[in-house]
Amino acid sequence: MISLKEQYPEGMAWTNDNYYAWHGGIYSGGYGCVGFAFILSDTVFGNLPDRKYMDFDNIQVGDIIRSIMTPIL
């Protein structure tokens, strides 16, 4: 990740206009901060396959966590 600091310096604008096609798995890519997380993932871990957990005890360092919230009615 440190190698990306010159390309993506602190304070650089990164918005939902920015898209990145992820090489890792179930999502084809992401916009904004999700896209940036995918860039970091691909840079650090290469093309590792994705994993989907429902049991949070299995989360590992480097995992990208996505929360799906259910509305309270």
C-alpha atoms as a PDB file:
ATOM      1  CA  MET A   1       0.000   0.000   0.000  1.00  0.00           C
ATOM      2  CA  ILE A   2       2.856   2.346   0.758  1.00  0.00           C
ATOM      3  CA  SER A   3       3.933   2.107  -2.891  1.00  0.00           C
ATOM      4  CA  LEU A   4       0.643   3.777  -3.902  1.00  0.00           C
ATOM      5  CA  LYS A   5       1.218   6.878  -1.759  1.00  0.00           C
ATOM      6  CA  GLU A   6       2.814   8.848  -4.610  1.00  0.00           C
ATOM      7  CA  GLN A   7       0.018   7.928  -7.033  1.00  0.00           C
ATOM      8  CA  TYR A   8      -2.742   8.599  -4.472  1.00  0.00           C
ATOM      9  CA  PRO A   9      -1.360  11.276  -2.089  1.00  0.00           C
ATOM     10  CA  GLU A  10      -3.073  12.232   1.135  1.00  0.00           C
ATOM     11  CA  GLY A  11      -5.830  14.733   0.498  1.00  0.00           C
ATOM     12  CA  MET A  12      -6.390  13.622  -3.102  1.00  0.00           C
ATOM     13  CA  ALA A  13     -10.032  13.807  -4.129  1.00  0.00           C
ATOM     14  CA  TRP A  14     -11.612  10.364  -4.517  1.00  0.00           C
ATOM     15  CA  THR A  15     -15.332  10.491  -5.191  1.00  0.00           C
ATOM     16  CA  ASN A  16     -18.127   8.417  -6.672  1.00  0.00           C
ATOM     17  CA  ASP A  17     -16.947   9.654 -10.079  1.00  0.00           C
ATOM     18  CA  ASN A  18     -13.953   7.328  -9.618  1.00  0.00           C
ATOM     19  CA  TYR A  19     -14.528   3.678 -10.553  1.00  0.00           C
ATOM     20  CA  TYR A  20     -12.182   0.708 -10.235  1.00  0.00           C
ATOM     21  CA  ALA A  21     -12.789  -2.749 -11.757  1.00  0.00           C
ATOM     22  CA  TRP A  22     -11.836  -5.189  -8.987  1.00  0.00           C
ATOM     23  CA  HIS A  23      -9.920  -8.381  -9.816  1.00  0.00           C
ATOM     24  CA  GLY A  24     -10.893 -10.188  -6.624  1.00  0.00           C
ATOM     25  CA  GLY A  25     -14.339 -11.572  -6.793  1.00  0.00           C
ATOM     26  CA  ILE A  26     -18.057 -11.303  -6.414  1.00  0.00           C
ATOM     27  CA  TYR A  27     -18.280  -7.567  -7.098  1.00  0.00           C
ATOM     28  CA  SER A  28     -17.228  -6.353 -10.535  1.00  0.00           C
ATOM     29  CA  GLY A  29     -15.850  -3.156  -9.043  1.00  0.00           C
ATOM     30  CA  GLY A  30     -16.715  -0.145  -7.014  1.00  0.00           C
ATOM     31  CA  TYR A  31     -17.041   3.610  -6.953  1.00  0.00           C
ATOM     32  CA  GLY A  32     -15.544   6.043  -4.479  1.00  0.00           C
ATOM     33  CA  CYS A  33     -14.092   4.635  -1.281  1.00  0.00           C
ATOM     34  CA  VAL A  34     -15.082   1.072  -2.216  1.00  0.00           C
ATOM     35  CA  GLY A  35     -13.162   1.391  -5.487  1.00  0.00           C
ATOM     36  CA  PHE A  36     -10.150   2.658  -3.572  1.00  0.00           C
ATOM     37  CA  ALA A  37     -10.360  -0.287  -1.155  1.00  0.00           C
ATOM     38  CA  PHE A  38     -10.391  -2.621  -4.186  1.00  0.00           C
ATOM     39  CA  ILE A  39      -7.264  -0.901  -5.568  1.00  0.00           C
ATOM     40  CA  LEU A  40      -5.499  -1.512  -2.269  1.00  0.00           C
ATOM     41  CA  SER A  41      -6.706  -5.113  -2.169  1.00  0.00           C
ATOM     42  CA  ASP A  42      -5.446  -5.878  -5.682  1.00  0.00           C
ATOM     43  CA  THR A  43      -2.118  -4.148  -5.025  1.00  0.00           C
ATOM     44  CA  VAL A  44      -1.442  -5.995  -1.787  1.00  0.00           C
ATOM     45  CA  PHE A  45      -3.065  -9.381  -2.407  1.00  0.00           C
ATOM     46  CA  GLY A  46      -3.156  -9.697  -6.210  1.00  0.00           C
ATOM     47  CA  ASN A  47      -5.992 -11.782  -7.631  1.00  0.00           C
ATOM     48  CA  LEU A  48      -6.889 -13.675  -4.478  1.00  0.00           C
ATOM     49  CA  PRO A  49     -10.404 -15.111  -4.680  1.00  0.00           C
ATOM     50  CA  ASP A  50     -13.103 -13.508  -2.591  1.00  0.00           C
ATOM     51  CA  ARG A  51     -14.724 -15.115   0.418  1.00  0.00           C
ATOM     52  CA  LYS A  52     -18.112 -14.359   1.863  1.00  0.00           C
ATOM     53  CA  TYR A  53     -18.644 -14.853   5.581  1.00  0.00           C
ATOM     54  CA  MET A  54     -21.766 -14.681   7.625  1.00  0.00           C
ATOM     55  CA  ASP A  55     -19.828 -15.562  10.801  1.00  0.00           C
ATOM     56  CA  PHE A  56     -17.656 -12.560  11.693  1.00  0.00           C
ATOM     57  CA  ASP A  57     -15.279 -14.744  13.724  1.00  0.00           C
ATOM     58  CA  ASN A  58     -13.715 -15.774  10.382  1.00  0.00           C
ATOM     59  CA  ILE A  59     -12.727 -12.246   9.273  1.00  0.00           C
ATOM     60  CA  GLN A  60      -8.995 -11.888   8.576  1.00  0.00           C
ATOM     61  CA  VAL A  61      -6.602  -8.967   8.225  1.00  0.00           C
ATOM     62  CA  GLY A  62      -7.059  -7.430   4.769  1.00  0.00           C
ATOM     63  CA  ASP A  63     -10.690  -8.496   4.338  1.00  0.00           C
ATOM     64  CA  ILE A  64     -13.025  -5.915   2.844  1.00  0.00           C
ATOM     65  CA  ILE A  65     -16.142  -5.734   4.986  1.00  0.00           C
ATOM     66  CA  ARG A  66     -19.452  -4.704   3.511  1.00  0.00           C
ATOM     67  CA  SER A  67     -22.436  -4.231   5.739  1.00  0.00           C
ATOM     68  CA  ILE A  68     -25.940  -4.790   4.450  1.00  0.00           C
ATOM     69  CA  MET A  69     -28.339  -3.067   6.768  1.00  0.00           C
ATOM     70  CA  THR A  70     -31.970  -4.023   7.095  1.00  0.00           C
ATOM     71  CA  PRO A  71     -34.292  -1.072   7.695  1.00  0.00           C
ATOM     72  CA  ILE A  72     -36.133  -1.019  10.990  1.00  0.00           C
ATOM     73  CA  LEU A  73     -39.858  -0.587  10.378  1.00  0.00           C
END
